[in-house]
PDB file of N, CA and C in Angstrom:
ATOM      1  N   MET A   1     -24.171 -38.487   1.559  1.00  0.00           N
ATOM      2  CA  MET A   1     -23.069 -37.796   2.137  1.00  0.00           C
ATOM      3  C   MET A   1     -22.950 -36.412   1.487  1.00  0.00           C
ATOM      4  N   VAL A   2     -22.836 -35.391   2.292  1.00  0.00           N
ATOM      5  CA  VAL A   2     -22.739 -34.023   1.803  1.00  0.00           C
ATOM      6  C   VAL A   2     -21.294 -33.580   1.880  1.00  0.00           C
ATOM      7  N   GLY A   3     -20.830 -32.920   0.847  1.00  0.00           N
ATOM      8  CA  GLY A   3     -19.471 -32.403   0.831  1.00  0.00           C
ATOM      9  C   GLY A   3     -19.437 -31.028   0.206  1.00  0.00           C
ATOM     10  N   PHE A   4     -18.251 -30.456   0.184  1.00  0.00           N
ATOM     11  CA  PHE A   4     -18.068 -29.109  -0.324  1.00  0.00           C
ATOM     12  C   PHE A   4     -18.578 -28.963  -1.756  1.00  0.00           C
ATOM     13  N   GLY A   5     -18.384 -29.985  -2.576  1.00  0.00           N
ATOM     14  CA  GLY A   5     -18.826 -29.928  -3.967  1.00  0.00           C
ATOM     15  C   GLY A   5     -20.328 -29.916  -4.130  1.00  0.00           C
ATOM     16  N   ASP A   6     -21.070 -30.241  -3.059  1.00  0.00           N
ATOM     17  CA  ASP A   6     -22.531 -30.261  -3.119  1.00  0.00           C
ATOM     18  C   ASP A   6     -23.161 -28.890  -2.924  1.00  0.00           C
ATOM     19  N   ILE A   7     -22.371 -27.896  -2.547  1.00  0.00           N
ATOM     20  CA  ILE A   7     -22.936 -26.582  -2.247  1.00  0.00           C
ATOM     21  C   ILE A   7     -23.753 -26.021  -3.407  1.00  0.00           C
ATOM     22  N   PRO A   8     -23.235 -26.002  -4.659  1.00  0.00           N
ATOM     23  CA  PRO A   8     -24.065 -25.445  -5.739  1.00  0.00           C
ATOM     24  C   PRO A   8     -25.392 -26.174  -5.911  1.00  0.00           C
ATOM     25  N   LEU A   9     -25.401 -27.479  -5.720  1.00  0.00           N
ATOM     26  CA  LEU A   9     -26.642 -28.243  -5.855  1.00  0.00           C
ATOM     27  C   LEU A   9     -27.621 -27.897  -4.749  1.00  0.00           C
ATOM     28  N   ILE A  10     -27.106 -27.715  -3.543  1.00  0.00           N
ATOM     29  CA  ILE A  10     -27.955 -27.383  -2.402  1.00  0.00           C
ATOM     30  C   ILE A  10     -28.534 -25.983  -2.564  1.00  0.00           C
ATOM     31  N   ILE A  11     -27.696 -25.027  -2.959  1.00  0.00           N
ATOM     32  CA  ILE A  11     -28.131 -23.639  -3.062  1.00  0.00           C
ATOM     33  C   ILE A  11     -29.209 -23.463  -4.130  1.00  0.00           C
ATOM     34  N   ARG A  12     -29.116 -24.193  -5.226  1.00  0.00           N
ATOM     35  CA  ARG A  12     -30.116 -24.070  -6.299  1.00  0.00           C
ATOM     36  C   ARG A  12     -31.518 -24.420  -5.834  1.00  0.00           C
ATOM     37  N   ARG A  13     -31.641 -25.174  -4.773  1.00  0.00           N
ATOM     38  CA  ARG A  13     -32.950 -25.614  -4.286  1.00  0.00           C
ATOM     39  C   ARG A  13     -33.643 -24.571  -3.417  1.00  0.00           C
ATOM     40  N   PHE A  14     -32.978 -23.471  -3.102  1.00  0.00           N
ATOM     41  CA  PHE A  14     -33.529 -22.496  -2.181  1.00  0.00           C
ATOM     42  C   PHE A  14     -34.178 -21.337  -2.918  1.00  0.00           C
ATOM     43  N   PRO A  15     -35.383 -20.976  -2.469  1.00  0.00           N
ATOM     44  CA  PRO A  15     -36.065 -19.834  -3.076  1.00  0.00           C
ATOM     45  C   PRO A  15     -35.584 -18.510  -2.492  1.00  0.00           C
ATOM     46  N   SER A  16     -34.656 -18.566  -1.543  1.00  0.00           N
ATOM     47  CA  SER A  16     -34.177 -17.372  -0.860  1.00  0.00           C
ATOM     48  C   SER A  16     -33.441 -16.434  -1.811  1.00  0.00           C
ATOM     49  N   ASP A  17     -33.681 -15.146  -1.632  1.00  0.00           N
ATOM     50  CA  ASP A  17     -32.988 -14.136  -2.419  1.00  0.00           C
ATOM     51  C   ASP A  17     -31.685 -13.704  -1.761  1.00  0.00           C
ATOM     52  N   HIS A  18     -31.474 -14.119  -0.517  1.00  0.00           N
ATOM     53  CA  HIS A  18     -30.290 -13.696   0.224  1.00  0.00           C
ATOM     54  C   HIS A  18     -29.557 -14.897   0.802  1.00  0.00           C
ATOM     55  N   ILE A  19     -28.248 -14.807   0.794  1.00  0.00           N
ATOM     56  CA  ILE A  19     -27.399 -15.813   1.432  1.00  0.00           C
ATOM     57  C   ILE A  19     -26.336 -15.044   2.204  1.00  0.00           C
ATOM     58  N   TRP A  20     -26.160 -15.381   3.472  1.00  0.00           N
ATOM     59  CA  TRP A  20     -25.160 -14.750   4.304  1.00  0.00           C
ATOM     60  C   TRP A  20     -24.016 -15.733   4.506  1.00  0.00           C
ATOM     61  N   VAL A  21     -22.795 -15.269   4.323  1.00  0.00           N
ATOM     62  CA  VAL A  21     -21.613 -16.122   4.457  1.00  0.00           C
ATOM     63  C   VAL A  21     -20.651 -15.455   5.425  1.00  0.00           C
ATOM     64  N   ASP A  22     -20.186 -16.224   6.402  1.00  0.00           N
ATOM     65  CA  ASP A  22     -19.204 -15.744   7.376  1.00  0.00           C
ATOM     66  C   ASP A  22     -18.136 -16.809   7.546  1.00  0.00           C
ATOM     67  N   TYR A  23     -16.897 -16.367   7.694  1.00  0.00           N
ATOM     68  CA  TYR A  23     -15.794 -17.302   7.936  1.00  0.00           C
ATOM     69  C   TYR A  23     -15.080 -16.896   9.211  1.00  0.00           C
ATOM     70  N   ASP A  24     -14.900 -17.855  10.116  1.00  0.00           N
ATOM     71  CA  ASP A  24     -14.170 -17.650  11.356  1.00  0.00           C
ATOM     72  C   ASP A  24     -12.800 -18.301  11.174  1.00  0.00           C
ATOM     73  N   ARG A  25     -11.786 -17.481  10.898  1.00  0.00           N
ATOM     74  CA  ARG A  25     -10.446 -17.990  10.605  1.00  0.00           C
ATOM     75  C   ARG A  25      -9.848 -18.748  11.803  1.00  0.00           C
ATOM     76  N   GLU A  26     -10.040 -18.213  12.986  1.00  0.00           N
ATOM     77  CA  GLU A  26      -9.464 -18.852  14.178  1.00  0.00           C
ATOM     78  C   GLU A  26     -10.053 -20.248  14.403  1.00  0.00           C
ATOM     79  N   ALA A  27     -11.360 -20.391  14.200  1.00  0.00           N
ATOM     80  CA  ALA A  27     -12.020 -21.685  14.387  1.00  0.00           C
ATOM     81  C   ALA A  27     -12.002 -22.531  13.121  1.00  0.00           C
ATOM     82  N   ASP A  28     -11.646 -21.929  11.979  1.00  0.00           N
ATOM     83  CA  ASP A  28     -11.645 -22.579  10.667  1.00  0.00           C
ATOM     84  C   ASP A  28     -13.033 -23.138  10.336  1.00  0.00           C
ATOM     85  N   VAL A  29     -14.037 -22.264  10.497  1.00  0.00           N
ATOM     86  CA  VAL A  29     -15.432 -22.638  10.276  1.00  0.00           C
ATOM     87  C   VAL A  29     -16.061 -21.656   9.284  1.00  0.00           C
ATOM     88  N   LEU A  30     -16.762 -22.202   8.286  1.00  0.00           N
ATOM     89  CA  LEU A  30     -17.487 -21.402   7.305  1.00  0.00           C
ATOM     90  C   LEU A  30     -18.977 -21.562   7.574  1.00  0.00           C
ATOM     91  N   TYR A  31     -19.667 -20.435   7.722  1.00  0.00           N
ATOM     92  CA  TYR A  31     -21.111 -20.435   7.973  1.00  0.00           C
ATOM     93  C   TYR A  31     -21.819 -19.910   6.728  1.00  0.00           C
ATOM     94  N   ILE A  32     -22.792 -20.659   6.231  1.00  0.00           N
ATOM     95  CA  ILE A  32     -23.636 -20.206   5.129  1.00  0.00           C
ATOM     96  C   ILE A  32     -25.069 -20.253   5.647  1.00  0.00           C
ATOM     97  N   ASN A  33     -25.730 -19.082   5.645  1.00  0.00           N
ATOM     98  CA  ASN A  33     -27.084 -18.987   6.182  1.00  0.00           C
ATOM     99  C   ASN A  33     -28.047 -18.543   5.098  1.00  0.00           C
ATOM    100  N   PHE A  34     -29.202 -19.175   5.071  1.00  0.00           N
ATOM    101  CA  PHE A  34     -30.224 -18.878   4.083  1.00  0.00           C
ATOM    102  C   PHE A  34     -31.376 -18.078   4.667  1.00  0.00           C
ATOM    103  N   GLU A  35     -31.410 -17.963   5.991  1.00  0.00           N
ATOM    104  CA  GLU A  35     -32.468 -17.212   6.667  1.00  0.00           C
ATOM    105  C   GLU A  35     -31.894 -16.519   7.880  1.00  0.00           C
ATOM    106  N   ARG A  36     -32.520 -15.420   8.252  1.00  0.00           N
ATOM    107  CA  ARG A  36     -32.212 -14.730   9.495  1.00  0.00           C
ATOM    108  C   ARG A  36     -33.517 -14.598  10.252  1.00  0.00           C
ATOM    109  N   PRO A  37     -33.619 -14.824  11.523  1.00  0.00           N
ATOM    110  CA  PRO A  37     -32.542 -15.306  12.366  1.00  0.00           C
ATOM    111  C   PRO A  37     -32.201 -16.747  12.043  1.00  0.00           C
ATOM    112  N   GLN A  38     -31.027 -17.156  12.464  1.00  0.00           N
ATOM    113  CA  GLN A  38     -30.532 -18.468  12.086  1.00  0.00           C
ATOM    114  C   GLN A  38     -30.728 -19.534  13.169  1.00  0.00           C
ATOM    115  N   ARG A  39     -31.685 -19.359  14.034  1.00  0.00           N
ATOM    116  CA  ARG A  39     -31.937 -20.344  15.095  1.00  0.00           C
ATOM    117  C   ARG A  39     -32.501 -21.641  14.515  1.00  0.00           C
ATOM    118  N   ALA A  40     -31.734 -22.701  14.631  1.00  0.00           N
ATOM    119  CA  ALA A  40     -32.159 -24.006  14.115  1.00  0.00           C
ATOM    120  C   ALA A  40     -32.875 -24.787  15.206  1.00  0.00           C
ATOM    121  N   THR A  41     -33.820 -25.618  14.797  1.00  0.00           N
ATOM    122  CA  THR A  41     -34.505 -26.505  15.737  1.00  0.00           C
ATOM    123  C   THR A  41     -33.977 -27.929  15.619  1.00  0.00           C
ATOM    124  N   ASP A  42     -33.185 -28.191  14.572  1.00  0.00           N
ATOM    125  CA  ASP A  42     -32.627 -29.521  14.338  1.00  0.00           C
ATOM    126  C   ASP A  42     -31.348 -29.371  13.529  1.00  0.00           C
ATOM    127  N   SER A  43     -30.434 -30.305  13.670  1.00  0.00           N
ATOM    128  CA  SER A  43     -29.213 -30.277  12.871  1.00  0.00           C
ATOM    129  C   SER A  43     -28.678 -31.688  12.696  1.00  0.00           C
ATOM    130  N   VAL A  44     -27.965 -31.874  11.595  1.00  0.00           N
ATOM    131  CA  VAL A  44     -27.363 -33.165  11.263  1.00  0.00           C
ATOM    132  C   VAL A  44     -25.917 -32.908  10.882  1.00  0.00           C
ATOM    133  N   LEU A  45     -24.989 -33.686  11.455  1.00  0.00           N
ATOM    134  CA  LEU A  45     -23.568 -33.543  11.138  1.00  0.00           C
ATOM    135  C   LEU A  45     -23.134 -34.694  10.248  1.00  0.00           C
ATOM    136  N   ARG A  46     -22.606 -34.352   9.057  1.00  0.00           N
ATOM    137  CA  ARG A  46     -22.100 -35.351   8.113  1.00  0.00           C
ATOM    138  C   ARG A  46     -20.805 -34.850   7.507  1.00  0.00           C
ATOM    139  N   ASP A  47     -19.734 -35.600   7.664  1.00  0.00           N
ATOM    140  CA  ASP A  47     -18.450 -35.273   7.039  1.00  0.00           C
ATOM    141  C   ASP A  47     -18.030 -33.821   7.271  1.00  0.00           C
ATOM    142  N   ASN A  48     -18.055 -33.382   8.516  1.00  0.00           N
ATOM    143  CA  ASN A  48     -17.651 -32.025   8.896  1.00  0.00           C
ATOM    144  C   ASN A  48     -18.556 -30.936   8.330  1.00  0.00           C
ATOM    145  N   VAL A  49     -19.764 -31.294   7.921  1.00  0.00           N
ATOM    146  CA  VAL A  49     -20.760 -30.314   7.479  1.00  0.00           C
ATOM    147  C   VAL A  49     -21.985 -30.458   8.384  1.00  0.00           C
ATOM    148  N   LEU A  50     -22.308 -29.383   9.067  1.00  0.00           N
ATOM    149  CA  LEU A  50     -23.486 -29.356   9.927  1.00  0.00           C
ATOM    150  C   LEU A  50     -24.627 -28.741   9.131  1.00  0.00           C
ATOM    151  N   ILE A  51     -25.668 -29.515   8.895  1.00  0.00           N
ATOM    152  CA  ILE A  51     -26.845 -29.048   8.167  1.00  0.00           C
ATOM    153  C   ILE A  51     -27.852 -28.594   9.216  1.00  0.00           C
ATOM    154  N   ARG A  52     -28.164 -27.303   9.231  1.00  0.00           N
ATOM    155  CA  ARG A  52     -29.060 -26.743  10.235  1.00  0.00           C
ATOM    156  C   ARG A  52     -30.448 -26.547   9.642  1.00  0.00           C
ATOM    157  N   LYS A  53     -31.462 -27.017  10.401  1.00  0.00           N
ATOM    158  CA  LYS A  53     -32.846 -26.972   9.926  1.00  0.00           C
ATOM    159  C   LYS A  53     -33.756 -26.305  10.953  1.00  0.00           C
ATOM    160  N   ARG A  54     -34.835 -25.744  10.428  1.00  0.00           N
ATOM    161  CA  ARG A  54     -35.909 -25.217  11.286  1.00  0.00           C
ATOM    162  C   ARG A  54     -37.211 -25.647  10.637  1.00  0.00           C
ATOM    163  N   ASN A  55     -38.030 -26.369  11.383  1.00  0.00           N
ATOM    164  CA  ASN A  55     -39.315 -26.886  10.882  1.00  0.00           C
ATOM    165  C   ASN A  55     -39.140 -27.688   9.597  1.00  0.00           C
ATOM    166  N   GLY A  56     -38.069 -28.484   9.513  1.00  0.00           N
ATOM    167  CA  GLY A  56     -37.832 -29.354   8.367  1.00  0.00           C
ATOM    168  C   GLY A  56     -37.172 -28.688   7.179  1.00  0.00           C
ATOM    169  N   LYS A  57     -36.976 -27.376   7.226  1.00  0.00           N
ATOM    170  CA  LYS A  57     -36.380 -26.632   6.113  1.00  0.00           C
ATOM    171  C   LYS A  57     -34.921 -26.300   6.441  1.00  0.00           C
ATOM    172  N   ILE A  58     -34.021 -26.513   5.483  1.00  0.00           N
ATOM    173  CA  ILE A  58     -32.611 -26.188   5.699  1.00  0.00           C
ATOM    174  C   ILE A  58     -32.463 -24.676   5.724  1.00  0.00           C
ATOM    175  N   ILE A  59     -31.903 -24.170   6.842  1.00  0.00           N
ATOM    176  CA  ILE A  59     -31.723 -22.725   6.972  1.00  0.00           C
ATOM    177  C   ILE A  59     -30.253 -22.332   6.952  1.00  0.00           C
ATOM    178  N   GLY A  60     -29.354 -23.328   7.014  1.00  0.00           N
ATOM    179  CA  GLY A  60     -27.941 -22.986   6.989  1.00  0.00           C
ATOM    180  C   GLY A  60     -27.042 -24.203   6.974  1.00  0.00           C
ATOM    181  N   LEU A  61     -25.796 -23.950   6.607  1.00  0.00           N
ATOM    182  CA  LEU A  61     -24.757 -24.976   6.588  1.00  0.00           C
ATOM    183  C   LEU A  61     -23.560 -24.438   7.347  1.00  0.00           C
ATOM    184  N   THR A  62     -22.940 -25.294   8.135  1.00  0.00           N
ATOM    185  CA  THR A  62     -21.728 -24.928   8.851  1.00  0.00           C
ATOM    186  C   THR A  62     -20.663 -25.940   8.477  1.00  0.00           C
ATOM    187  N   PHE A  63     -19.560 -25.441   7.916  1.00  0.00           N
ATOM    188  CA  PHE A  63     -18.470 -26.309   7.475  1.00  0.00           C
ATOM    189  C   PHE A  63     -17.341 -26.225   8.489  1.00  0.00           C
ATOM    190  N   LEU A  64     -17.047 -27.342   9.138  1.00  0.00           N
ATOM    191  CA  LEU A  64     -15.983 -27.417  10.130  1.00  0.00           C
ATOM    192  C   LEU A  64     -14.673 -27.764   9.435  1.00  0.00           C
ATOM    193  N   ASN A  65     -13.562 -27.215   9.937  1.00  0.00           N
ATOM    194  CA  ASN A  65     -12.230 -27.476   9.357  1.00  0.00           C
ATOM    195  C   ASN A  65     -12.235 -27.203   7.855  1.00  0.00           C
ATOM    196  N   VAL A  66     -12.810 -26.087   7.466  1.00  0.00           N
ATOM    197  CA  VAL A  66     -13.041 -25.802   6.046  1.00  0.00           C
ATOM    198  C   VAL A  66     -11.740 -25.702   5.244  1.00  0.00           C
ATOM    199  N   SER A  67     -10.637 -25.328   5.861  1.00  0.00           N
ATOM    200  CA  SER A  67      -9.384 -25.215   5.109  1.00  0.00           C
ATOM    201  C   SER A  67      -8.868 -26.573   4.648  1.00  0.00           C
ATOM    202  N   LYS A  68      -9.389 -27.638   5.213  1.00  0.00           N
ATOM    203  CA  LYS A  68      -8.966 -28.984   4.825  1.00  0.00           C
ATOM    204  C   LYS A  68      -9.842 -29.587   3.723  1.00  0.00           C
ATOM    205  N   PHE A  69     -10.920 -28.878   3.323  1.00  0.00           N
ATOM    206  CA  PHE A  69     -11.780 -29.369   2.253  1.00  0.00           C
ATOM    207  C   PHE A  69     -11.042 -29.299   0.925  1.00  0.00           C
ATOM    208  N   LYS A  70     -11.279 -30.279   0.103  1.00  0.00           N
ATOM    209  CA  LYS A  70     -10.706 -30.278  -1.237  1.00  0.00           C
ATOM    210  C   LYS A  70     -11.568 -29.377  -2.107  1.00  0.00           C
ATOM    211  N   ILE A  71     -10.942 -28.422  -2.764  1.00  0.00           N
ATOM    212  CA  ILE A  71     -11.657 -27.512  -3.650  1.00  0.00           C
ATOM    213  C   ILE A  71     -11.752 -28.153  -5.030  1.00  0.00           C
ATOM    214  N   ILE A  72     -12.952 -28.190  -5.556  1.00  0.00           N
ATOM    215  CA  ILE A  72     -13.142 -28.739  -6.894  1.00  0.00           C
ATOM    216  C   ILE A  72     -13.796 -27.695  -7.791  1.00  0.00           C
ATOM    217  N   LYS A  73     -13.535 -27.771  -9.052  1.00  0.00           N
ATOM    218  CA  LYS A  73     -14.137 -26.839  -9.990  1.00  0.00           C
ATOM    219  C   LYS A  73     -15.519 -27.377 -10.353  1.00  0.00           C
ATOM    220  N   VAL A  74     -16.528 -26.527 -10.199  1.00  0.00           N
ATOM    221  CA  VAL A  74     -17.902 -26.923 -10.508  1.00  0.00           C
ATOM    222  C   VAL A  74     -18.257 -26.338 -11.876  1.00  0.00           C
ATOM    223  N   ARG A  75     -18.748 -27.191 -12.738  1.00  0.00           N
ATOM    224  CA  ARG A  75     -19.138 -26.744 -14.075  1.00  0.00           C
ATOM    225  C   ARG A  75     -20.653 -26.687 -14.178  1.00  0.00           C
ATOM    226  N   LYS A  76     -21.120 -25.752 -15.001  1.00  0.00           N
ATOM    227  CA  LYS A  76     -22.552 -25.642 -15.234  1.00  0.00           C
ATOM    228  C   LYS A  76     -22.999 -26.830 -16.074  1.00  0.00           C
ATOM    229  N   PRO A  77     -24.182 -27.359 -15.762  1.00  0.00           N
ATOM    230  CA  PRO A  77     -24.706 -28.448 -16.595  1.00  0.00           C
ATOM    231  C   PRO A  77     -24.993 -27.944 -18.006  1.00  0.00           C
ATOM    232  N   LYS A  78     -24.792 -28.809 -18.985  1.00  0.00           N
ATOM    233  CA  LYS A  78     -25.046 -28.423 -20.381  1.00  0.00           C
ATOM    234  C   LYS A  78     -26.481 -28.628 -20.741  1.00  0.00           C
TER     235      LYS A  78
END
């Protein structure tokens, strides 16, 4: 199960030097993209998080109803 607290773990796995973040206040959706263009060939929806993939590689995350996510403090591993 993927949740908001998993974002730092997911991002660390990407060799990408760029991350694009957009928030649509009216739709309450947060978009995090790791590649441009962001055309996905596959996607999986889990707990209001849409994981977008292209050729088996995660290219973006879409968080639905993001204002309802519980914010947690993430600490660096020791």
